[in-house]
Amino acid sequence: MRPTGRLHIGHYFGALQNWVRLQNDPAYDCFYFVADWHALTSDYADTSAIAENTLQIMIDYLAAGLDPAKSVIFQQSVIPEHAELHLLLSMVTPLGWLERVPTYKEALENVKDKDLHNYGFLGYPVLQTADIVIYGEPGARLVVPVGEDQVSHVEISCEIVRRLNTFWGARFKDFLYRAENVMLWRQIERALVLVGPFAPLHAAIPTREEILSIESAVRQQIQEAGAGNFIERHPVVADYVEFSHVLREPDAMLTQTPRIPGLDGRKMSKSYGNTITLSESDGDIRAKTKVMVTDPARKRRSDPGNPGVCPVYDWHKLFSAEEPGRLEWVRQGCTTAGIGCIECKAAMAENLIKWIAPVRERRVKYETNPKQVLELLDDGSNKARKVAQRTMERVRQAVFGWEKKRKEIDGAAGSAKA
């Protein structure tokens, strides 16, 4: 989460609740972080609050139930490998992919108080991809828990990773470049139908430009189909290519999140000022919920209402479900005008206060000991960096091949001495 302010109940039900569930499942190794670099993509003009907001979000994480003994909780900006992988990913990501991201175009149209015409904001999906895939391990599935509206973010990450793997994870075998084997490129050309199926096999030795063109066509098909599908469709050509998954493609783990609109009925968002934070006081909760919007058709106390379109009822379903008979009281009272909206809101507010009390209690415990919070954050960052460093060793070798080059040089030096 970006450190742009304290977390609210929308964050809890939209993400944190599920994160806590996953950390308690032994099938998953969970990594959660404070995305302070991402905060700069839109708030670069004033960074004065980022450090304090980072601390407050870490406190919110702990108060919500994330456990450093079960999850790796870390700070993005203290792990330089994120930036290095972001740089390498940016080398293979077409500009058009980023310009077509719906949330990018939407933000440019709707955000008027900030200048978002910068690479940081445009390249947000590339950094986000690095944040995800740097914690993928060879042979292990990599999943990202998201709601339905965020699946597209994971999909573009898959496309970016697939493109990187195509360029740096698919390598033509060395023997293809020996003079006696150069005509094998013509067989590849025919197998991929790069020439007409009934055209005679070229007798001419392919030029360097033709080989580059065939290489490019192979990579294009690998990228479009994925390595597994390409091997299945073109087994002959696949024998000439070495495949390696430099980075794992992430999968979206769809999670059902309850509807929790903001106080004004719109999506709950700090920018709209329609939230209840996890640190909200009892008084503020009562005051804010008292003016919540309700069923717009219920204009007078005597008008019957429809709980199905009322944001207050959505909140009741989250906070009043454990109180015997309360949801039926709301449904019956609203539809018959037996209760007024003020009564309905007050009952919901009391149950919200009961729900939030233990969260606030844990929060106060950590608020009074910020040094402990920073130590937990630093410890998690150290753990995360070890994983990130292993990934980047693998990526650097795939991109630059220095290990192979050093062995060649060492071997040549040894022969010279002999």
Protein backbone atom coordinates (compact mmCIF):
# COMPACT_ATOMS: atom_id res chain seq x y z
CA MET A 1 0.00 0.00 0.00
CA ARG A 2 1.16 3.54 -0.76
CA PRO A 3 2.01 5.70 2.28
CA THR A 4 -0.34 8.55 1.46
CA GLY A 5 -2.19 8.50 4.80
CA ARG A 6 -3.59 6.17 7.43
CA LEU A 7 -5.45 3.07 6.30
CA HIS A 8 -9.23 2.86 6.53
CA ILE A 9 -11.85 0.16 6.87
CA GLY A 10 -12.06 -0.13 3.08
CA HIS A 11 -8.42 -1.20 3.05
CA TYR A 12 -9.15 -3.73 5.76
CA PHE A 13 -12.05 -5.47 4.04
CA GLY A 14 -10.59 -4.98 0.56
CA ALA A 15 -7.14 -6.40 1.30
CA LEU A 16 -5.86 -6.70 4.89
CA GLN A 17 -8.48 -9.20 6.01
CA ASN A 18 -7.46 -11.55 3.20
CA TRP A 19 -3.73 -10.96 3.81
CA VAL A 20 -4.16 -12.10 7.40
CA ARG A 21 -5.98 -15.23 6.21
CA LEU A 22 -3.21 -16.07 3.73
CA GLN A 23 -0.41 -15.60 6.26
CA ASN A 24 -2.07 -18.24 8.44
CA ASP A 25 -2.13 -20.74 5.56
CA PRO A 26 1.10 -22.81 5.54
CA ALA A 27 0.81 -23.21 1.76
CA TYR A 28 1.91 -19.60 1.24
CA ASP A 29 5.02 -17.54 1.98
CA CYS A 30 3.61 -14.02 2.16
CA PHE A 31 5.36 -10.75 1.34
CA TYR A 32 3.62 -7.44 2.12
CA PHE A 33 5.22 -4.02 1.81
CA VAL A 34 4.84 -0.29 2.18
CA ALA A 35 5.12 1.11 -1.36
CA ASP A 36 6.90 4.39 -0.65
CA TRP A 37 8.42 4.65 -4.15
CA HIS A 38 4.94 4.34 -5.59
CA ALA A 39 3.86 7.31 -3.48
CA LEU A 40 6.33 9.44 -5.44
CA THR A 41 4.62 8.72 -8.75
CA SER A 42 1.91 11.23 -7.90
CA ASP A 43 3.13 12.98 -4.73
CA TYR A 44 6.67 13.83 -5.84
CA ALA A 45 6.20 17.56 -5.26
CA ASP A 46 5.99 17.19 -1.47
CA THR A 47 7.62 14.20 0.20
CA SER A 48 7.60 15.59 3.73
CA ALA A 49 4.89 13.20 4.99
CA ILE A 50 6.11 9.95 3.43
CA ALA A 51 8.32 8.84 6.34
CA GLU A 52 5.58 9.41 8.93
CA ASN A 53 2.94 7.84 6.70
CA THR A 54 5.17 4.80 6.19
CA LEU A 55 5.41 4.37 9.95
CA GLN A 56 1.63 4.78 10.35
CA ILE A 57 0.85 2.22 7.64
CA MET A 58 3.19 -0.28 9.29
CA ILE A 59 1.30 0.32 12.54
CA ASP A 60 -1.99 -0.22 10.70
CA TYR A 61 -0.65 -3.48 9.25
CA LEU A 62 0.25 -4.75 12.72
CA ALA A 63 -3.01 -3.54 14.25
CA ALA A 64 -5.00 -5.29 11.51
CA GLY A 65 -3.34 -8.60 12.38
CA LEU A 66 -0.35 -8.99 10.08
CA ASP A 67 2.30 -10.89 12.02
CA PRO A 68 6.03 -10.42 11.26
CA ALA A 69 6.57 -13.98 12.46
CA LYS A 70 4.27 -15.30 9.72
CA SER A 71 4.73 -12.75 6.93
CA VAL A 72 7.62 -10.74 5.53
CA ILE A 73 6.61 -7.10 5.96
CA PHE A 74 9.03 -4.61 4.43
CA GLN A 75 9.68 -1.14 3.04
CA GLN A 76 10.04 -0.92 -0.74
CA SER A 77 12.63 1.85 -1.00
CA VAL A 78 15.30 0.19 1.18
CA ILE A 79 15.58 -2.69 -1.31
CA PRO A 80 17.49 -1.29 -4.32
CA GLU A 81 16.95 -4.52 -6.27
CA HIS A 82 13.36 -3.38 -6.90
CA ALA A 83 14.69 -0.36 -8.77
CA GLU A 84 17.26 -2.43 -10.68
CA LEU A 85 14.64 -4.92 -11.87
CA HIS A 86 12.30 -2.05 -12.73
CA LEU A 87 15.05 -0.59 -14.93
CA LEU A 88 15.61 -3.87 -16.77
CA LEU A 89 11.88 -4.46 -17.24
CA SER A 90 11.53 -0.95 -18.64
CA MET A 91 14.02 -1.85 -21.38
CA VAL A 92 11.63 -4.41 -22.88
CA THR A 93 8.24 -2.82 -22.14
CA PRO A 94 6.68 -1.08 -25.18
CA LEU A 95 5.60 2.47 -24.50
CA GLY A 96 2.21 1.79 -26.08
CA TRP A 97 1.40 -0.86 -23.47
CA LEU A 98 1.74 1.71 -20.70
CA GLU A 99 -0.19 4.43 -22.52
CA ARG A 100 -3.13 2.07 -22.99
CA VAL A 101 -3.48 1.13 -19.30
CA PRO A 102 -7.07 2.19 -18.40
CA THR A 103 -6.20 3.54 -14.94
CA TYR A 104 -3.46 5.73 -16.46
CA LYS A 105 -5.81 7.36 -18.96
CA GLU A 106 -8.53 7.68 -16.32
CA ALA A 107 -6.19 9.43 -13.88
CA LEU A 108 -4.94 11.88 -16.51
CA GLU A 109 -8.54 12.84 -17.24
CA ASN A 110 -9.76 13.09 -13.66
CA VAL A 111 -6.84 14.27 -11.50
CA LYS A 112 -6.59 18.02 -11.91
CA ASP A 113 -4.62 19.08 -8.82
CA LYS A 114 -1.40 17.22 -9.74
CA ASP A 115 0.76 17.03 -12.85
CA LEU A 116 0.90 13.32 -13.72
CA HIS A 117 2.72 13.75 -17.04
CA ASN A 118 5.90 12.07 -15.84
CA TYR A 119 7.55 8.72 -16.48
CA GLY A 120 7.10 7.66 -12.84
CA PHE A 121 3.32 7.67 -13.19
CA LEU A 122 3.33 6.25 -16.71
CA GLY A 123 5.78 3.52 -15.66
CA TYR A 124 3.84 2.60 -12.52
CA PRO A 125 2.90 -0.86 -13.94
CA VAL A 126 6.57 -1.64 -14.65
CA LEU A 127 7.64 -0.90 -11.07
CA GLN A 128 4.61 -2.81 -9.83
CA THR A 129 5.68 -5.79 -11.93
CA ALA A 130 9.16 -5.66 -10.39
CA ASP A 131 7.63 -5.51 -6.90
CA ILE A 132 5.71 -8.71 -7.60
CA VAL A 133 8.05 -10.93 -9.59
CA ILE A 134 11.22 -10.21 -7.65
CA TYR A 135 9.82 -12.54 -4.97
CA GLY A 136 9.08 -15.40 -7.33
CA GLU A 137 11.11 -18.55 -6.79
CA PRO A 138 12.02 -21.06 -9.55
CA GLY A 139 9.52 -23.91 -9.68
CA ALA A 140 7.06 -22.24 -7.30
CA ARG A 141 3.75 -20.66 -8.23
CA LEU A 142 3.61 -16.89 -7.75
CA VAL A 143 0.17 -15.51 -6.87
CA VAL A 144 -1.13 -12.01 -6.20
CA PRO A 145 -4.34 -11.71 -4.15
CA VAL A 146 -6.51 -9.14 -5.92
CA GLY A 147 -10.10 -8.14 -6.40
CA GLU A 148 -11.78 -8.36 -9.79
CA ASP A 149 -11.03 -4.72 -10.60
CA GLN A 150 -7.28 -5.34 -10.21
CA VAL A 151 -6.91 -8.42 -12.43
CA SER A 152 -5.80 -6.24 -15.34
CA HIS A 153 -2.80 -5.07 -13.27
CA VAL A 154 -1.61 -8.66 -12.91
CA GLU A 155 -2.27 -9.34 -16.59
CA ILE A 156 0.04 -6.55 -17.75
CA SER A 157 2.69 -7.87 -15.33
CA CYS A 158 2.38 -11.27 -17.04
CA GLU A 159 2.84 -9.66 -20.45
CA ILE A 160 5.92 -7.73 -19.33
CA VAL A 161 7.51 -10.82 -17.75
CA ARG A 162 6.73 -12.94 -20.80
CA ARG A 163 8.43 -10.38 -23.00
CA LEU A 164 11.52 -10.34 -20.77
CA ASN A 165 11.65 -14.13 -20.72
CA THR A 166 11.38 -14.16 -24.52
CA PHE A 167 14.37 -11.86 -24.98
CA TRP A 168 16.58 -13.07 -22.17
CA GLY A 169 15.26 -16.51 -21.31
CA ALA A 170 15.00 -17.97 -24.83
CA ARG A 171 18.43 -18.43 -26.41
CA PHE A 172 19.31 -20.10 -29.68
CA LYS A 173 21.77 -22.95 -29.21
CA ASP A 174 25.37 -22.19 -30.05
CA PHE A 175 25.74 -24.86 -32.74
CA LEU A 176 23.28 -22.94 -34.97
CA TYR A 177 25.95 -20.29 -35.51
CA ARG A 178 28.63 -22.68 -36.72
CA ALA A 179 29.33 -22.48 -40.44
CA GLU A 180 28.46 -26.12 -41.06
CA ASN A 181 24.99 -25.71 -39.47
CA VAL A 182 23.93 -22.37 -40.86
CA MET A 183 21.39 -23.95 -43.24
CA LEU A 184 19.38 -25.08 -40.21
CA TRP A 185 18.01 -21.53 -40.16
CA ARG A 186 16.21 -22.34 -43.40
CA GLN A 187 14.53 -25.31 -41.69
CA ILE A 188 13.41 -23.03 -38.86
CA GLU A 189 12.08 -20.60 -41.44
CA ARG A 190 10.01 -23.34 -43.09
CA ALA A 191 8.81 -24.86 -39.77
CA LEU A 192 7.42 -21.52 -38.60
CA VAL A 193 5.76 -20.93 -41.97
CA LEU A 194 7.82 -17.78 -42.44
CA VAL A 195 7.81 -18.69 -46.12
CA GLY A 196 4.97 -20.21 -48.14
CA PRO A 197 4.26 -23.86 -47.23
CA PHE A 198 4.85 -24.99 -50.81
CA ALA A 199 7.84 -22.79 -51.50
CA PRO A 200 11.07 -24.67 -52.18
CA LEU A 201 13.59 -24.75 -49.36
CA HIS A 202 16.05 -21.92 -49.92
CA ALA A 203 19.35 -23.18 -51.20
CA ALA A 204 21.11 -19.92 -50.50
CA ILE A 205 23.07 -19.60 -47.30
CA PRO A 206 21.14 -17.13 -45.11
CA THR A 207 22.72 -13.76 -44.60
CA ARG A 208 23.27 -12.27 -41.15
CA GLU A 209 20.26 -10.01 -41.76
CA GLU A 210 18.08 -12.99 -42.65
CA ILE A 211 19.16 -14.88 -39.52
CA LEU A 212 18.32 -11.85 -37.39
CA SER A 213 14.91 -11.67 -39.06
CA ILE A 214 14.24 -15.36 -38.34
CA GLU A 215 15.39 -14.94 -34.73
CA SER A 216 13.02 -12.00 -34.34
CA ALA A 217 10.09 -13.99 -35.76
CA VAL A 218 10.78 -16.88 -33.39
CA ARG A 219 10.89 -14.55 -30.39
CA GLN A 220 7.67 -12.88 -31.49
CA GLN A 221 5.86 -16.22 -31.63
CA ILE A 222 7.27 -17.30 -28.27
CA GLN A 223 6.08 -14.05 -26.73
CA GLU A 224 2.59 -14.33 -28.19
CA ALA A 225 2.07 -18.00 -27.34
CA GLY A 226 4.19 -18.43 -24.22
CA ALA A 227 7.12 -20.83 -24.04
CA GLY A 228 5.02 -23.89 -23.17
CA ASN A 229 2.57 -23.42 -26.04
CA PHE A 230 5.36 -22.63 -28.48
CA ILE A 231 7.21 -25.86 -27.65
CA GLU A 232 4.00 -27.83 -28.13
CA ARG A 233 3.23 -26.21 -31.49
CA HIS A 234 6.76 -26.16 -32.89
CA PRO A 235 8.73 -29.06 -31.37
CA VAL A 236 11.29 -29.05 -34.21
CA VAL A 237 12.14 -25.39 -33.71
CA ALA A 238 12.05 -25.76 -29.93
CA ASP A 239 14.93 -28.25 -30.19
CA TYR A 240 17.10 -25.38 -31.37
CA VAL A 241 16.18 -23.06 -28.50
CA GLU A 242 17.11 -23.16 -24.81
CA PHE A 243 14.27 -21.98 -22.61
CA SER A 244 14.57 -20.71 -19.07
CA HIS A 245 12.08 -18.89 -16.87
CA VAL A 246 14.20 -15.95 -15.82
CA LEU A 247 11.19 -14.60 -13.94
CA ARG A 248 7.94 -16.31 -12.97
CA GLU A 249 4.72 -15.06 -14.51
CA PRO A 250 2.34 -14.11 -11.69
CA ASP A 251 -1.19 -15.45 -11.37
CA ALA A 252 -4.10 -13.42 -10.02
CA MET A 253 -5.68 -14.96 -6.94
CA LEU A 254 -9.23 -13.66 -7.11
CA THR A 255 -10.60 -12.84 -3.69
CA GLN A 256 -14.16 -11.96 -2.87
CA THR A 257 -14.30 -8.62 -1.13
CA PRO A 258 -17.46 -7.25 0.49
CA ARG A 259 -19.01 -4.05 -0.77
CA ILE A 260 -18.05 -1.16 1.50
CA PRO A 261 -18.94 2.20 -0.01
CA GLY A 262 -17.69 5.46 1.41
CA LEU A 263 -19.69 7.73 3.70
CA ASP A 264 -21.01 9.55 0.63
CA GLY A 265 -21.91 6.39 -1.29
CA ARG A 266 -18.98 6.60 -3.69
CA LYS A 267 -15.97 4.30 -3.61
CA MET A 268 -14.21 4.69 -0.26
CA SER A 269 -11.07 6.76 -0.87
CA LYS A 270 -8.85 9.08 1.11
CA SER A 271 -8.95 11.54 -1.79
CA TYR A 272 -12.75 11.77 -1.44
CA GLY A 273 -12.62 12.31 2.33
CA ASN A 274 -15.30 9.65 2.84
CA THR A 275 -13.46 7.14 5.01
CA ILE A 276 -13.35 5.78 8.54
CA THR A 277 -9.72 5.13 9.43
CA LEU A 278 -8.60 2.20 11.56
CA SER A 279 -7.58 4.74 14.21
CA GLU A 280 -10.86 6.71 14.24
CA SER A 281 -12.20 7.72 17.68
CA ASP A 282 -15.67 6.74 18.92
CA GLY A 283 -16.82 10.33 18.71
CA ASP A 284 -15.63 10.78 15.15
CA ILE A 285 -17.23 7.50 14.11
CA ARG A 286 -20.61 8.59 15.48
CA ALA A 287 -20.31 12.06 13.94
CA LYS A 288 -19.23 10.84 10.51
CA THR A 289 -21.75 8.01 10.22
CA LYS A 290 -24.57 10.31 11.36
CA VAL A 291 -24.34 12.17 8.04
CA MET A 292 -23.90 9.10 5.81
CA VAL A 293 -25.98 9.03 2.66
CA THR A 294 -28.86 6.54 2.61
CA ASP A 295 -31.49 5.38 0.13
CA PRO A 296 -32.01 8.54 -1.99
CA ALA A 297 -35.68 7.65 -2.49
CA ARG A 298 -36.37 7.87 1.25
CA LYS A 299 -36.83 11.61 1.63
CA ARG A 300 -39.13 11.65 4.70
CA ARG A 301 -39.22 9.61 7.92
CA SER A 302 -42.52 8.08 6.84
CA ASP A 303 -41.20 6.90 3.46
CA PRO A 304 -40.32 3.19 3.24
CA GLY A 305 -36.75 2.51 2.16
CA ASN A 306 -34.79 -0.10 0.21
CA PRO A 307 -31.83 -1.55 2.15
CA GLY A 308 -30.43 -2.99 -1.09
CA VAL A 309 -29.40 0.47 -2.30
CA CYS A 310 -28.43 1.94 1.08
CA PRO A 311 -24.71 2.26 2.00
CA VAL A 312 -25.62 2.07 5.69
CA TYR A 313 -27.08 -1.40 5.20
CA ASP A 314 -23.86 -2.47 3.44
CA TRP A 315 -22.00 -1.44 6.59
CA HIS A 316 -24.55 -3.19 8.81
CA LYS A 317 -23.80 -6.45 6.98
CA LEU A 318 -20.16 -6.09 7.97
CA PHE A 319 -20.46 -4.84 11.52
CA SER A 320 -23.87 -5.98 12.76
CA ALA A 321 -24.03 -9.54 11.46
CA GLU A 322 -23.03 -11.04 14.81
CA GLU A 323 -25.71 -9.17 16.77
CA PRO A 324 -28.77 -11.48 16.88
CA GLY A 325 -31.71 -10.07 14.96
CA ARG A 326 -30.07 -6.77 14.05
CA LEU A 327 -30.00 -7.25 10.25
CA GLU A 328 -33.64 -8.32 10.23
CA TRP A 329 -34.48 -5.30 12.41
CA VAL A 330 -32.85 -3.05 9.81
CA ARG A 331 -34.45 -4.77 6.83
CA GLN A 332 -37.93 -4.87 8.34
CA GLY A 333 -37.76 -1.41 9.86
CA CYS A 334 -36.44 0.24 6.72
CA THR A 335 -38.87 -1.34 4.25
CA THR A 336 -41.87 -0.51 6.45
CA ALA A 337 -40.65 2.89 7.65
CA GLY A 338 -40.71 1.41 11.15
CA ILE A 339 -37.34 2.97 11.92
CA GLY A 340 -35.74 6.16 10.71
CA CYS A 341 -32.32 6.54 9.09
CA ILE A 342 -30.90 8.24 12.19
CA GLU A 343 -31.79 5.20 14.34
CA CYS A 344 -30.38 2.85 11.72
CA LYS A 345 -27.09 4.74 11.49
CA ALA A 346 -26.73 4.94 15.27
CA ALA A 347 -27.17 1.18 15.68
CA MET A 348 -24.59 0.53 12.97
CA ALA A 349 -22.14 3.00 14.49
CA GLU A 350 -22.20 1.22 17.85
CA ASN A 351 -21.40 -2.10 16.22
CA LEU A 352 -18.64 -0.49 14.16
CA ILE A 353 -17.17 0.88 17.39
CA LYS A 354 -17.24 -2.59 18.96
CA TRP A 355 -15.54 -4.06 15.89
CA ILE A 356 -12.82 -1.43 15.68
CA ALA A 357 -12.01 -1.34 19.41
CA PRO A 358 -9.49 -4.26 19.44
CA VAL A 359 -7.85 -2.92 16.26
CA ARG A 360 -7.39 0.48 17.90
CA GLU A 361 -6.13 -1.16 21.08
CA ARG A 362 -3.40 -2.98 19.18
CA ARG A 363 -2.67 0.22 17.30
CA VAL A 364 -2.12 2.20 20.51
CA LYS A 365 0.32 -0.49 21.69
CA TYR A 366 2.53 0.06 18.65
CA GLU A 367 1.98 3.84 18.45
CA THR A 368 3.54 4.22 21.87
CA ASN A 369 6.61 2.25 20.76
CA PRO A 370 7.64 3.52 17.31
CA LYS A 371 11.18 2.19 17.77
CA GLN A 372 9.82 -1.37 17.93
CA VAL A 373 7.77 -0.72 14.80
CA LEU A 374 10.84 0.43 12.88
CA GLU A 375 12.83 -2.57 14.10
CA LEU A 376 10.11 -4.91 12.83
CA LEU A 377 10.04 -3.08 9.49
CA ASP A 378 13.84 -3.19 9.18
CA ASP A 379 13.93 -6.88 10.06
CA GLY A 380 11.32 -7.66 7.41
CA SER A 381 13.21 -5.56 4.86
CA ASN A 382 16.40 -7.51 5.53
CA LYS A 383 14.56 -10.80 4.96
CA ALA A 384 12.95 -9.53 1.77
CA ARG A 385 16.25 -8.25 0.39
CA LYS A 386 17.88 -11.67 0.62
CA VAL A 387 15.17 -13.08 -1.65
CA ALA A 388 15.40 -10.07 -4.00
CA GLN A 389 19.19 -10.45 -4.25
CA ARG A 390 18.87 -14.12 -5.28
CA THR A 391 16.41 -13.16 -8.00
CA MET A 392 18.62 -10.40 -9.35
CA GLU A 393 21.66 -12.69 -9.52
CA ARG A 394 19.60 -14.93 -11.78
CA VAL A 395 18.30 -12.02 -13.87
CA ARG A 396 21.73 -10.42 -14.32
CA GLN A 397 23.19 -13.69 -15.52
CA ALA A 398 20.34 -14.11 -18.03
CA VAL A 399 20.76 -10.55 -19.33
CA PHE A 400 24.53 -10.14 -19.40
CA GLY A 401 25.95 -13.66 -19.19
CA TRP A 402 28.98 -12.58 -17.20
CA GLU A 403 29.37 -15.92 -15.42
CA LYS A 404 29.73 -17.68 -18.77
CA LYS A 405 32.08 -14.98 -20.08
CA ARG A 406 34.32 -15.17 -17.02
CA LYS A 407 34.56 -18.95 -17.36
CA GLU A 408 35.55 -18.53 -21.02
CA ILE A 409 38.25 -16.01 -20.08
CA ASP A 410 39.50 -18.17 -17.20
CA GLY A 411 39.58 -21.21 -19.52
CA ALA A 412 41.50 -19.33 -22.18
CA ALA A 413 43.96 -18.04 -19.60
CA GLY A 414 44.49 -21.58 -18.30
CA SER A 415 45.17 -22.89 -21.82
CA ALA A 416 47.65 -20.11 -22.49
CA LYS A 417 49.60 -20.98 -19.36
CA ALA A 418 49.66 -24.64 -20.27
